[in-house]
Amino acid sequence: MQDGNVVVIGGGYAGVRLAKRLDATARVTLVDRKEVFFHRIASLRAGVRPDWSVTPVIPYDRLLRHGRVAVGKVVRVDTAERQVVLATGERLPYDVVVIATGADYPEPARFSGTTAEEAVKSFSAHQRKIATAGHVLVVGGGPSGVELSAEIRLARPDARVTLAHSGPALLHSTGSARAGRKARAWLESHDVEVRLDAFMSPGNDFGTYRDAHGRMVDADLSFWATGTTPNTLWLRLGGHGDWLNPAGHVKVDRTLRVGGHPDVFAVGDVNDATELKITPAALAQADLAAWNIRGYLQNSGRHRKEPRFYRPIHRTPLIVPFGPADGVTMVPVPGGETAVLGGRTTTLAKAKTLMTPYMRRQLGYTAA
């Protein structure tokens, strides 16, 4: 028996996981502006290597056995009528609505199109630019900046590659100085110039960049791996700016509900439940929200489920590949310390496949 209409807005990692978890027990509609799932974890390599161009694109057609996927742009959540309003004017009634619109990433981890063909075209454009660039500048020394710098170096051993980071050490936001040292050692051993304490901004001339000390860098091509922005402008424009904190994230309580609305949830990168915006946190939130949504829809009688509370993830394993066969893995251990593992563990856990087989299985496809 299916209990109630659940509309999930956003078909990223959290939205896909949640929709699949509820497919058998509710009438689920997953809404996304894209026709395909975009496996962002594989996008950095796809932006560099032609043989990976199609890898990050997985169709939604096998995700749900009972529910459906609707392609469209959501413009508003009408809480009075309990309807999700699409740009076409179509209205989707809901008993529960879930905001899972994620965050916007810099190129090449960004996909502004809607079709598989547009994704491949975007990756191909990045590949051509990287293939002909004499000097590539990557700005940002967090996990994405380090990973992208390594991918570019391996694809273009003849090019000059510079990684500029505003902080005092690579990967410093992870809290592991040892992991940062390993990343820097790998990059420098592969002739990547690493500039620390170098806050970059565009220079006065095209193709020039200036750091905070006034030093200039000339580069044919630049990528900015300097953080993300939650995809919540549509909520503000739709009259729900009060749902957002100053950073633009949706404010949620411990059950992952939007305050004052027991039938509105928000999961993944879009909410303020944790500062750690990584896929494992998004998946954990989706699982907890699915439990709470089932309890809300089946809340009659003595078998009523008590809601579960989300505990923010502050320490979790973090894997940073250096191409397909090396990298660094950080694993929290008791006492607040972090164990740092090397290339073999990283290759098996993520670097070789970038979790592609896992995500293909999640969407109903074979791992290959």
Protein backbone atom coordinates (compact mmCIF):
# COMPACT_ATOMS: atom_id res chain seq x y z
CA MET A 1 0.00 0.00 0.00
CA GLN A 2 1.26 3.45 -0.90
CA ASP A 3 0.63 6.23 1.60
CA GLY A 4 0.44 9.77 0.28
CA ASN A 5 2.09 11.85 -2.43
CA VAL A 6 5.76 12.69 -1.93
CA VAL A 7 7.35 15.22 -4.28
CA VAL A 8 11.15 15.26 -4.21
CA ILE A 9 12.61 18.42 -5.76
CA GLY A 10 16.09 17.69 -7.09
CA GLY A 11 17.59 14.52 -8.54
CA GLY A 12 21.09 14.64 -7.08
CA TYR A 13 22.63 12.18 -4.63
CA ALA A 14 20.23 12.91 -1.75
CA GLY A 15 17.13 13.21 -3.93
CA VAL A 16 17.78 9.94 -5.78
CA ARG A 17 18.46 8.06 -2.54
CA LEU A 18 15.33 9.41 -0.85
CA ALA A 19 13.04 8.77 -3.83
CA LYS A 20 14.28 5.20 -4.09
CA ARG A 21 13.83 4.61 -0.34
CA LEU A 22 10.18 5.75 -0.50
CA ASP A 23 9.22 4.23 -3.85
CA ALA A 24 7.47 1.20 -2.37
CA THR A 25 5.57 3.00 0.39
CA ALA A 26 4.48 6.32 -1.16
CA ARG A 27 3.47 7.79 -4.50
CA VAL A 28 6.79 9.42 -5.36
CA THR A 29 7.44 12.07 -7.98
CA LEU A 30 11.06 13.12 -8.44
CA VAL A 31 11.38 16.48 -10.21
CA ASP A 32 14.61 17.65 -11.83
CA ARG A 33 15.39 20.07 -14.62
CA LYS A 34 17.81 17.50 -16.10
CA GLU A 35 16.76 14.44 -18.09
CA VAL A 36 19.63 12.43 -16.59
CA PHE A 37 21.43 11.97 -13.30
CA PHE A 38 24.74 13.87 -13.17
CA HIS A 39 27.38 11.87 -11.27
CA ARG A 40 29.37 14.87 -10.11
CA ILE A 41 32.06 12.76 -8.41
CA ALA A 42 33.23 11.61 -11.86
CA SER A 43 32.97 15.03 -13.49
CA LEU A 44 36.50 16.29 -12.82
CA ARG A 45 38.05 13.35 -14.68
CA ALA A 46 35.42 13.62 -17.42
CA GLY A 47 36.39 17.25 -17.95
CA VAL A 48 39.96 16.14 -18.70
CA ARG A 49 39.78 12.69 -20.30
CA PRO A 50 37.71 11.97 -23.46
CA ASP A 51 37.24 8.31 -22.52
CA TRP A 52 35.27 9.45 -19.47
CA SER A 53 32.94 11.87 -21.29
CA VAL A 54 29.80 9.76 -20.94
CA THR A 55 30.59 8.25 -17.53
CA PRO A 56 28.95 10.91 -15.30
CA VAL A 57 25.62 10.70 -17.16
CA ILE A 58 23.16 8.02 -16.00
CA PRO A 59 19.48 7.93 -17.10
CA TYR A 60 16.73 8.15 -14.49
CA ASP A 61 14.46 5.70 -16.31
CA ARG A 62 15.25 2.69 -14.08
CA LEU A 63 15.34 4.49 -10.74
CA LEU A 64 11.71 4.08 -9.65
CA ARG A 65 9.51 1.02 -10.08
CA HIS A 66 6.28 2.64 -8.88
CA GLY A 67 6.88 6.39 -8.90
CA ARG A 68 7.86 8.68 -11.74
CA VAL A 69 10.51 11.21 -12.71
CA ALA A 70 9.22 14.53 -14.04
CA VAL A 71 11.56 16.76 -16.03
CA GLY A 72 10.89 20.40 -15.25
CA LYS A 73 11.89 23.50 -13.32
CA VAL A 74 10.27 24.11 -9.95
CA VAL A 75 9.48 27.77 -9.29
CA ARG A 76 7.46 27.64 -6.09
CA VAL A 77 6.20 25.53 -3.20
CA ASP A 78 2.60 26.52 -2.50
CA THR A 79 2.22 25.54 1.15
CA ALA A 80 -1.38 26.78 1.34
CA GLU A 81 -2.57 24.48 -1.45
CA ARG A 82 0.17 21.89 -0.78
CA GLN A 83 1.34 21.94 -4.37
CA VAL A 84 4.70 22.18 -6.14
CA VAL A 85 4.48 24.64 -9.03
CA LEU A 86 6.52 24.10 -12.19
CA ALA A 87 7.60 26.76 -14.69
CA THR A 88 5.13 25.29 -17.18
CA GLY A 89 2.29 26.02 -14.78
CA GLU A 90 1.81 22.36 -13.88
CA ARG A 91 1.02 21.75 -10.23
CA LEU A 92 2.02 18.62 -8.35
CA PRO A 93 -0.01 17.94 -5.19
CA TYR A 94 1.92 16.71 -2.17
CA ASP A 95 1.41 15.31 1.28
CA VAL A 96 5.15 15.70 1.82
CA VAL A 97 7.59 17.79 -0.21
CA VAL A 98 11.37 17.36 -0.01
CA ILE A 99 13.83 20.06 -1.09
CA ALA A 100 16.95 18.35 -2.44
CA THR A 101 18.23 20.90 -4.96
CA GLY A 102 21.85 20.61 -3.82
CA ALA A 103 24.53 23.18 -4.53
CA ASP A 104 26.12 24.77 -7.56
CA TYR A 105 29.75 23.87 -8.22
CA PRO A 106 32.42 25.54 -10.38
CA GLU A 107 33.31 24.10 -13.79
CA PRO A 108 33.89 21.35 -14.78
CA ALA A 109 31.87 19.88 -11.91
CA ARG A 110 28.93 22.01 -13.01
CA PHE A 111 26.28 20.94 -15.49
CA SER A 112 23.98 23.74 -16.60
CA GLY A 113 22.37 21.73 -19.42
CA THR A 114 19.53 19.25 -19.30
CA THR A 115 20.43 16.35 -21.63
CA ALA A 116 23.15 13.72 -21.88
CA GLU A 117 24.26 15.21 -25.18
CA GLU A 118 24.73 18.63 -23.60
CA ALA A 119 26.80 17.11 -20.78
CA VAL A 120 29.12 15.34 -23.21
CA LYS A 121 29.43 18.51 -25.28
CA SER A 122 30.40 20.49 -22.16
CA PHE A 123 33.03 17.94 -21.13
CA SER A 124 34.44 17.83 -24.66
CA ALA A 125 34.85 21.61 -24.63
CA HIS A 126 36.87 21.43 -21.40
CA GLN A 127 38.98 18.60 -22.79
CA ARG A 128 39.85 20.60 -25.92
CA LYS A 129 40.84 23.65 -23.89
CA ILE A 130 43.03 21.60 -21.55
CA ALA A 131 44.62 19.74 -24.48
CA THR A 132 45.83 22.99 -26.07
CA ALA A 133 46.67 25.09 -23.00
CA GLY A 134 50.29 25.90 -22.30
CA HIS A 135 49.61 26.90 -18.68
CA VAL A 136 46.61 25.85 -16.57
CA LEU A 137 45.85 27.59 -13.27
CA VAL A 138 43.71 25.87 -10.64
CA VAL A 139 42.54 28.12 -7.80
CA GLY A 140 41.64 26.38 -4.56
CA GLY A 141 43.59 23.80 -2.57
CA GLY A 142 40.72 21.82 -1.09
CA PRO A 143 39.84 18.26 -2.19
CA SER A 144 38.40 19.35 -5.56
CA GLY A 145 41.32 21.63 -6.43
CA VAL A 146 43.89 18.98 -5.56
CA GLU A 147 42.01 16.28 -7.48
CA LEU A 148 41.55 18.46 -10.57
CA SER A 149 45.21 19.54 -10.58
CA ALA A 150 46.29 15.90 -10.50
CA GLU A 151 43.93 14.94 -13.32
CA ILE A 152 45.18 17.80 -15.50
CA ARG A 153 48.81 16.94 -14.82
CA LEU A 154 48.32 13.28 -15.77
CA ALA A 155 46.45 14.21 -18.95
CA ARG A 156 48.93 16.94 -19.90
CA PRO A 157 52.43 16.02 -18.70
CA ASP A 158 53.88 18.62 -21.09
CA ALA A 159 51.83 21.58 -19.82
CA ARG A 160 52.61 23.95 -17.00
CA VAL A 161 50.15 23.49 -14.11
CA THR A 162 49.85 25.81 -11.11
CA LEU A 163 47.69 25.27 -8.03
CA ALA A 164 47.10 28.45 -6.03
CA HIS A 165 45.54 28.17 -2.58
CA SER A 166 44.59 30.98 -0.22
CA GLY A 167 45.30 28.90 2.88
CA PRO A 168 48.57 27.96 4.58
CA ALA A 169 48.44 24.29 3.51
CA LEU A 170 46.63 22.09 1.03
CA LEU A 171 43.53 20.32 2.35
CA HIS A 172 43.73 22.42 5.52
CA SER A 173 39.92 22.44 5.89
CA THR A 174 40.09 18.68 6.54
CA GLY A 175 42.15 19.25 9.66
CA SER A 176 44.81 16.76 8.55
CA ALA A 177 48.21 18.39 8.09
CA ARG A 178 49.69 15.04 7.07
CA ALA A 179 47.18 14.61 4.23
CA GLY A 180 47.98 18.13 3.04
CA ARG A 181 51.68 17.34 3.03
CA LYS A 182 51.10 14.14 1.04
CA ALA A 183 49.02 16.03 -1.53
CA ARG A 184 51.65 18.73 -1.90
CA ALA A 185 54.45 16.19 -2.18
CA TRP A 186 52.61 14.28 -4.92
CA LEU A 187 51.82 17.41 -6.90
CA GLU A 188 55.31 18.87 -6.65
CA SER A 189 56.89 15.52 -7.55
CA HIS A 190 54.78 15.70 -10.73
CA ASP A 191 55.95 19.25 -11.51
CA VAL A 192 52.80 21.05 -10.39
CA GLU A 193 53.69 24.46 -8.95
CA VAL A 194 51.93 24.87 -5.60
CA ARG A 195 51.41 28.41 -4.30
CA LEU A 196 50.16 28.74 -0.73
CA ASP A 197 48.78 31.86 0.97
CA ALA A 198 47.92 33.00 -2.54
CA PHE A 199 44.44 34.50 -2.72
CA MET A 200 43.88 34.91 -6.45
CA SER A 201 41.77 37.36 -8.43
CA PRO A 202 41.61 38.18 -12.16
CA GLY A 203 44.28 40.65 -13.30
CA ASN A 204 43.82 43.70 -15.47
CA ASP A 205 44.67 41.91 -18.70
CA PHE A 206 42.96 38.87 -20.21
CA GLY A 207 44.67 35.66 -19.08
CA THR A 208 46.38 37.30 -16.11
CA TYR A 209 45.77 36.69 -12.42
CA ARG A 210 47.00 38.51 -9.32
CA ASP A 211 47.52 37.21 -5.80
CA ALA A 212 47.06 39.16 -2.58
CA HIS A 213 50.74 40.20 -2.65
CA GLY A 214 50.40 41.73 -6.10
CA ARG A 215 52.29 38.96 -7.87
CA MET A 216 51.04 38.20 -11.37
CA VAL A 217 50.37 34.82 -12.99
CA ASP A 218 49.81 34.37 -16.71
CA ALA A 219 47.68 31.36 -17.68
CA ASP A 220 45.86 30.23 -20.79
CA LEU A 221 43.15 28.53 -18.78
CA SER A 222 41.86 28.71 -15.22
CA PHE A 223 39.55 26.66 -13.02
CA TRP A 224 38.18 27.94 -9.71
CA ALA A 225 37.62 25.23 -7.11
CA THR A 226 36.74 27.64 -4.34
CA GLY A 227 33.50 26.40 -2.85
CA THR A 228 29.83 25.95 -3.63
CA THR A 229 26.58 27.90 -3.53
CA PRO A 230 23.29 26.31 -2.39
CA ASN A 231 20.64 26.15 -5.12
CA THR A 232 17.99 28.08 -3.21
CA LEU A 233 17.48 31.29 -5.19
CA TRP A 234 14.23 29.80 -6.52
CA LEU A 235 12.95 29.55 -2.94
CA ARG A 236 13.72 33.20 -2.28
CA LEU A 237 12.07 34.26 -5.53
CA GLY A 238 9.10 32.03 -4.71
CA GLY A 239 8.42 33.81 -1.42
CA HIS A 240 10.22 31.52 1.01
CA GLY A 241 13.27 33.61 1.85
CA ASP A 242 12.42 33.13 5.52
CA TRP A 243 13.30 29.44 5.14
CA LEU A 244 16.94 30.35 4.42
CA ASN A 245 19.89 31.29 6.63
CA PRO A 246 22.27 34.13 5.67
CA ALA A 247 24.40 31.73 3.59
CA GLY A 248 21.36 30.65 1.58
CA HIS A 249 20.95 27.18 3.09
CA VAL A 250 17.52 25.89 4.09
CA LYS A 251 17.10 25.96 7.86
CA VAL A 252 16.03 22.58 9.23
CA ASP A 253 15.41 21.07 12.65
CA ARG A 254 16.85 17.81 13.95
CA THR A 255 14.27 15.78 11.99
CA LEU A 256 15.36 17.60 8.79
CA ARG A 257 12.06 19.48 8.58
CA VAL A 258 11.72 23.14 7.70
CA GLY A 259 10.61 24.93 10.86
CA GLY A 260 6.84 25.20 11.27
CA HIS A 261 6.13 22.87 8.35
CA PRO A 262 5.85 19.20 9.36
CA ASP A 263 5.31 18.24 5.71
CA VAL A 264 8.37 20.05 4.27
CA PHE A 265 11.83 18.45 4.49
CA ALA A 266 15.24 19.48 3.12
CA VAL A 267 18.16 17.08 2.61
CA GLY A 268 21.72 17.17 1.32
CA ASP A 269 23.93 20.10 0.40
CA VAL A 270 20.94 22.45 0.31
CA ASN A 271 20.30 22.49 4.08
CA ASP A 272 22.11 23.83 7.14
CA ALA A 273 22.25 20.52 9.05
CA THR A 274 26.01 20.19 8.71
CA GLU A 275 28.96 22.16 7.44
CA LEU A 276 30.40 19.01 5.88
CA LYS A 277 28.91 19.05 2.37
CA ILE A 278 29.95 15.63 1.11
CA THR A 279 28.06 12.73 -0.48
CA PRO A 280 28.08 10.41 2.60
CA ALA A 281 26.36 13.14 4.64
CA ALA A 282 23.74 13.66 1.91
CA LEU A 283 23.00 9.93 1.76
CA ALA A 284 22.73 9.65 5.54
CA GLN A 285 20.28 12.53 5.61
CA ALA A 286 18.19 10.95 2.85
CA ASP A 287 17.92 7.71 4.83
CA LEU A 288 16.88 9.48 8.02
CA ALA A 289 14.38 11.71 6.22
CA ALA A 290 12.84 8.64 4.53
CA TRP A 291 12.22 7.09 7.95
CA ASN A 292 10.64 10.31 9.27
CA ILE A 293 8.51 10.77 6.17
CA ARG A 294 7.16 7.21 6.43
CA GLY A 295 6.35 7.88 10.08
CA TYR A 296 4.57 11.12 9.20
CA LEU A 297 2.48 9.47 6.48
CA GLN A 298 1.61 6.49 8.71
CA ASN A 299 1.09 8.41 11.93
CA SER A 300 -2.13 6.81 13.11
CA GLY A 301 -2.59 4.07 15.66
CA ARG A 302 -0.35 2.54 18.27
CA HIS A 303 2.31 1.56 15.72
CA ARG A 304 3.24 5.15 15.08
CA LYS A 305 6.95 5.58 14.42
CA GLU A 306 8.87 8.03 16.56
CA PRO A 307 10.94 10.50 14.51
CA ARG A 308 14.68 10.08 14.32
CA PHE A 309 17.06 12.96 14.89
CA TYR A 310 19.93 13.76 12.59
CA ARG A 311 23.34 14.06 14.19
CA PRO A 312 25.62 16.26 12.06
CA ILE A 313 28.62 14.48 10.65
CA HIS A 314 31.77 16.31 11.71
CA ARG A 315 34.27 13.55 11.05
CA THR A 316 33.96 11.04 8.26
CA PRO A 317 36.34 9.24 5.89
CA LEU A 318 37.42 11.57 3.09
CA ILE A 319 39.07 10.33 -0.10
CA VAL A 320 41.05 12.59 -2.45
CA PRO A 321 42.25 10.84 -5.63
CA PHE A 322 45.42 11.87 -7.47
CA GLY A 323 44.24 10.41 -10.76
CA PRO A 324 43.05 6.79 -11.10
CA ALA A 325 45.92 5.07 -9.30
CA ASP A 326 46.94 7.19 -6.31
CA GLY A 327 45.62 9.55 -3.67
CA VAL A 328 45.11 10.05 0.03
CA THR A 329 42.39 8.75 2.34
CA MET A 330 41.63 10.28 5.74
CA VAL A 331 39.90 8.03 8.28
CA PRO A 332 38.83 9.33 11.72
CA VAL A 333 39.98 7.20 14.64
CA PRO A 334 39.04 7.34 18.35
CA GLY A 335 40.56 10.19 20.29
CA GLY A 336 40.02 12.82 17.63
CA GLU A 337 42.94 11.74 15.50
CA THR A 338 42.90 11.00 11.76
CA ALA A 339 44.61 8.07 10.11
CA VAL A 340 46.03 8.91 6.68
CA LEU A 341 46.15 6.07 4.16
CA GLY A 342 47.87 6.08 0.82
CA GLY A 343 47.51 5.12 -2.79
CA ARG A 344 46.43 1.47 -2.59
CA THR A 345 43.49 2.13 -0.27
CA THR A 346 42.48 5.24 -2.18
CA THR A 347 42.59 3.46 -5.53
CA LEU A 348 40.39 0.61 -4.33
CA ALA A 349 37.94 2.86 -2.48
CA LYS A 350 37.44 5.59 -5.06
CA ALA A 351 40.23 6.70 -7.36
CA LYS A 352 39.93 3.99 -10.01
CA THR A 353 36.16 4.09 -10.59
CA LEU A 354 35.08 7.31 -8.81
CA MET A 355 32.08 5.41 -7.36
CA THR A 356 30.56 5.01 -10.82
CA PRO A 357 29.55 1.33 -10.43
CA TYR A 358 27.85 2.15 -7.11
CA MET A 359 25.84 5.03 -8.58
CA ARG A 360 24.86 3.03 -11.65
CA ARG A 361 23.45 0.33 -9.37
CA GLN A 362 21.59 2.98 -7.36
CA LEU A 363 19.85 4.07 -10.56
CA GLY A 364 18.97 0.54 -11.59
CA TYR A 365 21.74 -0.11 -14.10
CA THR A 366 24.54 -2.67 -14.13
CA ALA A 367 27.83 -1.59 -12.61
CA ALA A 368 29.66 -1.59 -15.95
